[in-house]
Amino acid sequence: MDKGNNRRWRILILLSIAELFGMSLWLTASAVSTQLAAGWDLTDNQVTRLTTIVQMGFVVGTAFAALFNLADIISSRLYFAVCALLAATANAGILVVDSYTAALSCRFLVGLFLAGVYPPAMKMIATWFQTSRGFAIGTIVGALTCGKATPYLLSAVAPNDYVVVIVTSSIAAAFGGLLVLGFYRDGPHAFASRKFRLSLIVNVLQHRPTRLAVAGYLGHMWELYAMWVWIPKFIAASFRISGGTERAANLAAFLAIAAGAAGCLWGGRTADRIGREKLVNRCMLISGLCSIGIGLTFGGPPWIVAIMAGVWGFFVVAD
């Protein structure tokens, strides 16, 4: 019993590391947007599309996976590993393409393949946890949140060198895929395979608790990705007014997004203790207040902006 219990924690660490490395690809274009814009003479709208297209690719990827039931017909270990390697390749492709259109295609493919990295990990870790499942899933989401923040940490370490950011994140994602391929196995609580049926959509829509949860999640995601993409730009602009350096702005952006990892760990454990509904409502309230109030800190002392952004980053993911 103890041996199995110890193994599930080792698997949680393994998957968390793989998720952190794999999801480091998501915001690479945002973290180096200034250099890409200068090198390709891009407009603000074109730079924004380099990030937005990843979300579009992810939506297409998850829809395709659901329609063809990929998570049930392909080994989770193989599915995760292949998608991580393909996403890493697509991310590195931005360094060799010679046009903006081709770069958009690379970023779309990154999102498409990350649909085989993020969602499957939720199912994979659930096969190892029945008790403490909230904490386990919170840990996985926290790891991927920290992963999404890492391009800004890399930018702080190697400012003005977008090649380092893109190459490092690509290598990390490939390594994460190989970790899962080599060492992950499904746990004792595996889910039975089920065929995809369109009629199930009707059942979901008729189930009020699920319908409310989905509606809340849509609101959460609207705020979350807007915050992740916007907050680094906000911090950079504010620091320029108040005298902060570009390196400090990148570090503050990393901490603001990575704070969500701590929020997920806290949220997962708290959800198991007080209930998921109470946790979600409290986190959404605090997060919403932060989204309203952070604009008032613009141009203020960098440490105040950084703290406010960190608090927002903590609660925006915790729900």
Protein backbone atom coordinates (compact mmCIF):
# COMPACT_ATOMS: atom_id res chain seq x y z
CA MET A 1 0.00 0.00 0.00
CA ASP A 2 2.79 2.39 0.98
CA LYS A 3 4.76 1.44 -2.12
CA GLY A 4 1.81 2.28 -4.39
CA ASN A 5 1.19 5.50 -2.48
CA ASN A 6 4.81 6.56 -2.91
CA ARG A 7 4.69 5.75 -6.61
CA ARG A 8 1.72 8.00 -7.25
CA TRP A 9 3.61 10.95 -5.80
CA ARG A 10 6.59 10.15 -8.01
CA ILE A 11 4.28 10.07 -11.02
CA LEU A 12 2.82 13.44 -9.97
CA ILE A 13 6.33 14.93 -9.88
CA LEU A 14 7.15 13.37 -13.26
CA LEU A 15 4.02 14.67 -14.96
CA SER A 16 4.38 18.09 -13.34
CA ILE A 17 7.90 18.47 -14.71
CA ALA A 18 6.77 17.30 -18.15
CA GLU A 19 3.85 19.75 -18.13
CA LEU A 20 6.05 22.62 -17.01
CA PHE A 21 8.51 21.96 -19.82
CA GLY A 22 5.85 21.27 -22.44
CA MET A 23 3.73 24.33 -21.79
CA SER A 24 6.75 26.64 -21.89
CA LEU A 25 6.01 26.89 -25.62
CA TRP A 26 2.70 28.70 -25.23
CA LEU A 27 3.82 32.29 -24.64
CA THR A 28 7.24 32.27 -26.32
CA ALA A 29 6.10 34.58 -29.12
CA SER A 30 4.60 37.00 -26.59
CA ALA A 31 7.79 37.06 -24.51
CA VAL A 32 9.94 37.93 -27.53
CA SER A 33 7.34 39.99 -29.39
CA THR A 34 9.47 43.16 -29.33
CA GLN A 35 12.36 41.43 -31.12
CA LEU A 36 10.09 39.68 -33.61
CA ALA A 37 8.28 42.92 -34.39
CA ALA A 38 11.57 44.72 -35.01
CA GLY A 39 13.02 41.91 -37.12
CA TRP A 40 9.98 41.45 -39.35
CA ASP A 41 8.61 44.98 -39.16
CA LEU A 42 5.31 43.80 -37.68
CA THR A 43 2.34 45.89 -36.61
CA ASP A 44 0.82 45.56 -33.13
CA ASN A 45 -2.07 43.54 -34.58
CA GLN A 46 0.31 41.11 -36.27
CA VAL A 47 2.22 40.60 -33.04
CA THR A 48 -1.04 39.93 -31.20
CA ARG A 49 -2.01 37.29 -33.76
CA LEU A 50 1.18 35.34 -33.02
CA THR A 51 -0.27 34.68 -29.56
CA THR A 52 -3.95 34.42 -30.49
CA ILE A 53 -3.26 31.82 -33.17
CA VAL A 54 -1.91 29.44 -30.50
CA GLN A 55 -5.28 29.51 -28.73
CA MET A 56 -7.04 28.85 -32.03
CA GLY A 57 -4.77 25.90 -32.72
CA PHE A 58 -5.44 24.54 -29.24
CA VAL A 59 -9.21 24.77 -29.73
CA VAL A 60 -8.97 22.94 -33.06
CA GLY A 61 -6.70 20.32 -31.53
CA THR A 62 -8.96 19.61 -28.56
CA ALA A 63 -12.06 19.48 -30.79
CA PHE A 64 -10.32 17.06 -33.16
CA ALA A 65 -9.14 14.90 -30.25
CA ALA A 66 -12.67 14.79 -28.80
CA LEU A 67 -14.33 14.04 -32.14
CA PHE A 68 -12.02 11.13 -32.90
CA ASN A 69 -11.71 10.04 -29.26
CA LEU A 70 -7.91 10.09 -29.43
CA ALA A 71 -7.41 9.96 -25.66
CA ASP A 72 -9.18 6.59 -25.54
CA ILE A 73 -7.74 4.92 -28.65
CA ILE A 74 -4.11 6.02 -28.27
CA SER A 75 -1.84 5.26 -25.31
CA SER A 76 -1.72 8.34 -23.07
CA ARG A 77 2.03 8.00 -22.76
CA LEU A 78 2.55 7.88 -26.52
CA TYR A 79 -0.06 10.57 -27.21
CA PHE A 80 1.57 13.02 -24.81
CA ALA A 81 5.11 12.31 -25.95
CA VAL A 82 4.46 12.58 -29.69
CA CYS A 83 2.46 15.80 -29.29
CA ALA A 84 5.15 17.36 -27.08
CA LEU A 85 7.85 16.54 -29.63
CA LEU A 86 5.77 17.88 -32.53
CA ALA A 87 4.93 21.06 -30.61
CA ALA A 88 8.62 21.57 -29.85
CA THR A 89 9.46 21.17 -33.53
CA ALA A 90 6.77 23.64 -34.59
CA ASN A 91 7.97 26.15 -32.01
CA ALA A 92 11.56 25.93 -33.26
CA GLY A 93 10.28 26.33 -36.80
CA ILE A 94 9.72 30.05 -36.23
CA LEU A 95 13.51 30.45 -36.37
CA VAL A 96 13.82 29.07 -39.91
CA VAL A 97 10.72 30.36 -41.68
CA ASP A 98 11.11 33.40 -43.89
CA SER A 99 7.66 34.98 -43.72
CA TYR A 100 5.10 36.14 -41.20
CA THR A 101 2.46 33.83 -42.67
CA ALA A 102 4.72 30.82 -42.16
CA ALA A 103 5.41 31.96 -38.58
CA LEU A 104 1.66 32.08 -37.94
CA SER A 105 1.38 28.52 -39.23
CA CYS A 106 4.12 27.41 -36.85
CA ARG A 107 2.37 29.02 -33.90
CA PHE A 108 -0.96 27.48 -34.90
CA LEU A 109 0.69 24.05 -34.93
CA VAL A 110 2.15 24.69 -31.49
CA GLY A 111 -1.37 25.19 -30.12
CA LEU A 112 -2.71 22.24 -32.10
CA PHE A 113 -0.14 19.83 -30.68
CA LEU A 114 -0.31 21.23 -27.13
CA ALA A 115 -3.90 19.94 -27.13
CA GLY A 116 -2.21 16.55 -26.74
CA VAL A 117 -0.08 17.73 -23.81
CA TYR A 118 -2.37 19.69 -21.48
CA PRO A 119 -5.77 17.84 -21.45
CA PRO A 120 -4.36 14.27 -21.48
CA ALA A 121 -2.26 15.05 -18.40
CA MET A 122 -5.47 15.69 -16.43
CA LYS A 123 -6.70 12.22 -17.28
CA MET A 124 -3.28 10.65 -16.73
CA ILE A 125 -2.85 11.95 -13.20
CA ALA A 126 -6.46 11.06 -12.32
CA THR A 127 -5.61 7.39 -12.94
CA TRP A 128 -3.26 7.60 -9.96
CA PHE A 129 -5.39 9.64 -7.54
CA GLN A 130 -8.83 9.04 -6.11
CA THR A 131 -8.12 10.67 -2.76
CA SER A 132 -6.35 14.05 -2.94
CA ARG A 133 -7.36 14.31 -6.60
CA GLY A 134 -8.05 18.04 -6.30
CA PHE A 135 -4.53 18.64 -5.03
CA ALA A 136 -3.02 16.41 -7.73
CA ILE A 137 -4.84 18.17 -10.57
CA GLY A 138 -4.07 21.52 -8.97
CA THR A 139 -0.39 20.57 -9.02
CA ILE A 140 -0.52 19.71 -12.72
CA VAL A 141 -2.30 22.96 -13.58
CA GLY A 142 0.19 24.83 -11.41
CA ALA A 143 3.09 23.24 -13.27
CA LEU A 144 1.72 24.19 -16.68
CA THR A 145 1.03 27.72 -15.39
CA CYS A 146 4.64 28.04 -14.29
CA GLY A 147 5.66 26.63 -17.66
CA LYS A 148 3.73 29.33 -19.49
CA ALA A 149 5.58 31.94 -17.43
CA THR A 150 9.08 30.61 -18.16
CA PRO A 151 9.62 32.47 -21.49
CA TYR A 152 9.54 35.71 -19.51
CA LEU A 153 12.11 34.34 -17.07
CA LEU A 154 14.30 33.37 -20.03
CA SER A 155 13.82 36.86 -21.47
CA ALA A 156 14.95 38.34 -18.15
CA VAL A 157 18.04 36.12 -18.14
CA ALA A 158 18.83 36.69 -21.84
CA PRO A 159 17.28 40.03 -22.79
CA ASN A 160 17.09 40.86 -26.49
CA ASP A 161 18.02 37.31 -27.50
CA TYR A 162 14.85 35.70 -28.80
CA VAL A 163 16.78 32.72 -30.22
CA VAL A 164 17.74 31.61 -26.69
CA VAL A 165 14.12 31.83 -25.54
CA ILE A 166 12.72 29.85 -28.46
CA VAL A 167 15.47 27.20 -28.56
CA THR A 168 15.45 26.65 -24.79
CA SER A 169 11.67 26.26 -24.61
CA SER A 170 11.69 23.87 -27.58
CA ILE A 171 14.38 21.69 -26.01
CA ALA A 172 12.51 21.71 -22.70
CA ALA A 173 9.23 20.61 -24.34
CA ALA A 174 10.97 17.80 -26.22
CA PHE A 175 12.61 16.66 -22.99
CA GLY A 176 9.23 16.67 -21.24
CA GLY A 177 7.80 14.43 -23.94
CA LEU A 178 10.71 12.01 -23.65
CA LEU A 179 10.31 11.92 -19.85
CA VAL A 180 6.72 10.76 -20.20
CA LEU A 181 7.57 8.30 -22.97
CA GLY A 182 10.30 6.70 -20.91
CA PHE A 183 8.91 6.69 -17.38
CA TYR A 184 5.13 7.22 -17.25
CA ARG A 185 2.62 4.38 -16.89
CA ASP A 186 -1.14 4.57 -16.24
CA GLY A 187 -2.24 4.13 -12.64
CA PRO A 188 -4.62 1.65 -11.02
CA HIS A 189 -7.71 3.83 -11.53
CA ALA A 190 -7.71 3.87 -15.33
CA PHE A 191 -10.88 4.99 -17.11
CA ALA A 192 -12.86 2.69 -19.37
CA SER A 193 -12.74 3.58 -23.08
CA ARG A 194 -15.94 5.12 -24.42
CA LYS A 195 -17.04 6.04 -27.90
CA PHE A 196 -17.75 9.65 -28.76
CA ARG A 197 -21.46 10.37 -29.29
CA LEU A 198 -22.93 13.71 -30.30
CA SER A 199 -26.02 12.90 -28.24
CA LEU A 200 -23.92 13.29 -25.09
CA ILE A 201 -23.72 17.03 -25.80
CA VAL A 202 -27.46 17.26 -25.22
CA ASN A 203 -27.10 15.39 -21.93
CA VAL A 204 -24.41 17.83 -20.80
CA LEU A 205 -26.51 20.87 -21.70
CA GLN A 206 -29.49 19.45 -19.81
CA HIS A 207 -27.46 18.87 -16.65
CA ARG A 208 -27.68 22.15 -14.74
CA PRO A 209 -24.59 21.76 -12.47
CA THR A 210 -22.42 20.93 -15.49
CA ARG A 211 -23.94 23.77 -17.49
CA LEU A 212 -23.16 26.26 -14.72
CA ALA A 213 -19.62 24.89 -14.31
CA VAL A 214 -18.96 25.28 -18.04
CA ALA A 215 -20.34 28.83 -18.03
CA GLY A 216 -18.12 29.73 -15.08
CA TYR A 217 -15.13 28.14 -16.78
CA LEU A 218 -15.74 30.16 -19.95
CA GLY A 219 -15.73 33.36 -17.90
CA HIS A 220 -12.59 32.23 -16.11
CA MET A 221 -10.78 31.48 -19.38
CA TRP A 222 -11.82 34.81 -20.89
CA GLU A 223 -10.17 36.61 -17.98
CA LEU A 224 -7.22 34.23 -17.62
CA TYR A 225 -5.80 34.40 -21.13
CA ALA A 226 -6.49 38.11 -21.39
CA MET A 227 -4.51 38.56 -18.18
CA TRP A 228 -1.62 36.31 -19.22
CA VAL A 229 -1.14 38.10 -22.53
CA TRP A 230 -1.87 41.63 -21.29
CA ILE A 231 -0.10 41.78 -17.93
CA PRO A 232 3.49 41.65 -19.31
CA LYS A 233 2.69 44.56 -21.65
CA PHE A 234 1.06 46.48 -18.80
CA ILE A 235 4.02 45.92 -16.49
CA ALA A 236 6.55 46.90 -19.18
CA ALA A 237 4.68 50.13 -20.00
CA SER A 238 4.26 50.99 -16.32
CA PHE A 239 7.92 50.32 -15.53
CA ARG A 240 9.03 52.59 -18.39
CA ILE A 241 7.15 55.45 -16.76
CA SER A 242 8.32 54.73 -13.22
CA GLY A 243 11.96 54.01 -14.08
CA GLY A 244 12.00 50.21 -13.93
CA THR A 245 14.30 48.30 -16.27
CA GLU A 246 13.25 45.94 -19.06
CA ARG A 247 14.88 43.03 -17.21
CA ALA A 248 12.89 43.88 -14.08
CA ALA A 249 9.68 44.08 -16.13
CA ASN A 250 10.28 40.62 -17.61
CA LEU A 251 11.01 39.21 -14.16
CA ALA A 252 7.86 40.81 -12.74
CA ALA A 253 5.83 39.39 -15.63
CA PHE A 254 7.25 35.92 -14.92
CA LEU A 255 6.37 36.19 -11.24
CA ALA A 256 2.87 37.49 -11.99
CA ILE A 257 2.06 34.51 -14.18
CA ALA A 258 4.01 31.94 -12.17
CA ALA A 259 2.18 33.01 -8.99
CA GLY A 260 -0.70 31.03 -10.45
CA ALA A 261 1.27 27.85 -9.75
CA ALA A 262 1.14 28.56 -6.01
CA GLY A 263 -2.52 29.48 -6.45
CA CYS A 264 -3.24 26.10 -8.02
CA LEU A 265 -1.53 24.19 -5.21
CA TRP A 266 -3.44 26.18 -2.62
CA GLY A 267 -6.66 25.93 -4.61
CA GLY A 268 -6.41 22.18 -5.10
CA ARG A 269 -5.86 21.52 -1.40
CA THR A 270 -8.49 24.04 -0.31
CA ALA A 271 -11.04 22.63 -2.77
CA ASP A 272 -10.63 19.18 -1.21
CA ARG A 273 -11.23 20.72 2.22
CA ILE A 274 -14.03 23.30 1.82
CA GLY A 275 -15.60 22.28 -1.49
CA ARG A 276 -15.01 23.37 -5.05
CA GLU A 277 -17.99 25.71 -5.33
CA LYS A 278 -16.93 27.87 -2.36
CA LEU A 279 -13.35 28.00 -3.59
CA VAL A 280 -14.30 29.02 -7.14
CA ASN A 281 -16.63 31.80 -5.99
CA ARG A 282 -14.05 33.29 -3.61
CA CYS A 283 -11.25 33.16 -6.16
CA MET A 284 -13.36 34.70 -8.91
CA LEU A 285 -14.39 37.53 -6.60
CA ILE A 286 -10.81 38.39 -5.62
CA SER A 287 -9.57 37.97 -9.19
CA GLY A 288 -12.31 40.22 -10.51
CA LEU A 289 -11.46 42.92 -7.97
CA CYS A 290 -7.81 42.75 -9.01
CA SER A 291 -8.72 43.12 -12.68
CA ILE A 292 -10.66 46.28 -11.82
CA GLY A 293 -8.08 47.75 -9.47
CA ILE A 294 -4.74 47.05 -11.15
CA GLY A 295 -5.18 49.86 -13.64
CA LEU A 296 -5.00 52.31 -10.75
CA THR A 297 -1.39 51.24 -10.08
CA PHE A 298 -0.18 52.13 -13.59
CA GLY A 299 2.95 54.27 -13.47
CA GLY A 300 3.27 53.78 -9.72
CA PRO A 301 6.23 52.30 -7.84
CA PRO A 302 7.32 49.08 -9.59
CA TRP A 303 7.05 47.02 -6.40
CA ILE A 304 3.37 47.97 -5.98
CA VAL A 305 2.58 47.05 -9.59
CA ALA A 306 4.46 43.76 -9.21
CA ILE A 307 2.65 42.80 -5.99
CA MET A 308 -0.78 43.66 -7.39
CA ALA A 309 -0.03 41.65 -10.54
CA GLY A 310 1.20 38.73 -8.44
CA VAL A 311 -1.97 38.66 -6.32
CA TRP A 312 -4.07 38.71 -9.48
CA GLY A 313 -1.94 35.97 -11.01
CA PHE A 314 -2.38 33.84 -7.87
CA PHE A 315 -6.18 33.95 -7.85
CA VAL A 316 -6.88 34.09 -11.60
CA VAL A 317 -5.78 30.46 -11.96
CA ALA A 318 -6.75 29.07 -8.57
CA ASP A 319 -10.43 28.76 -9.48
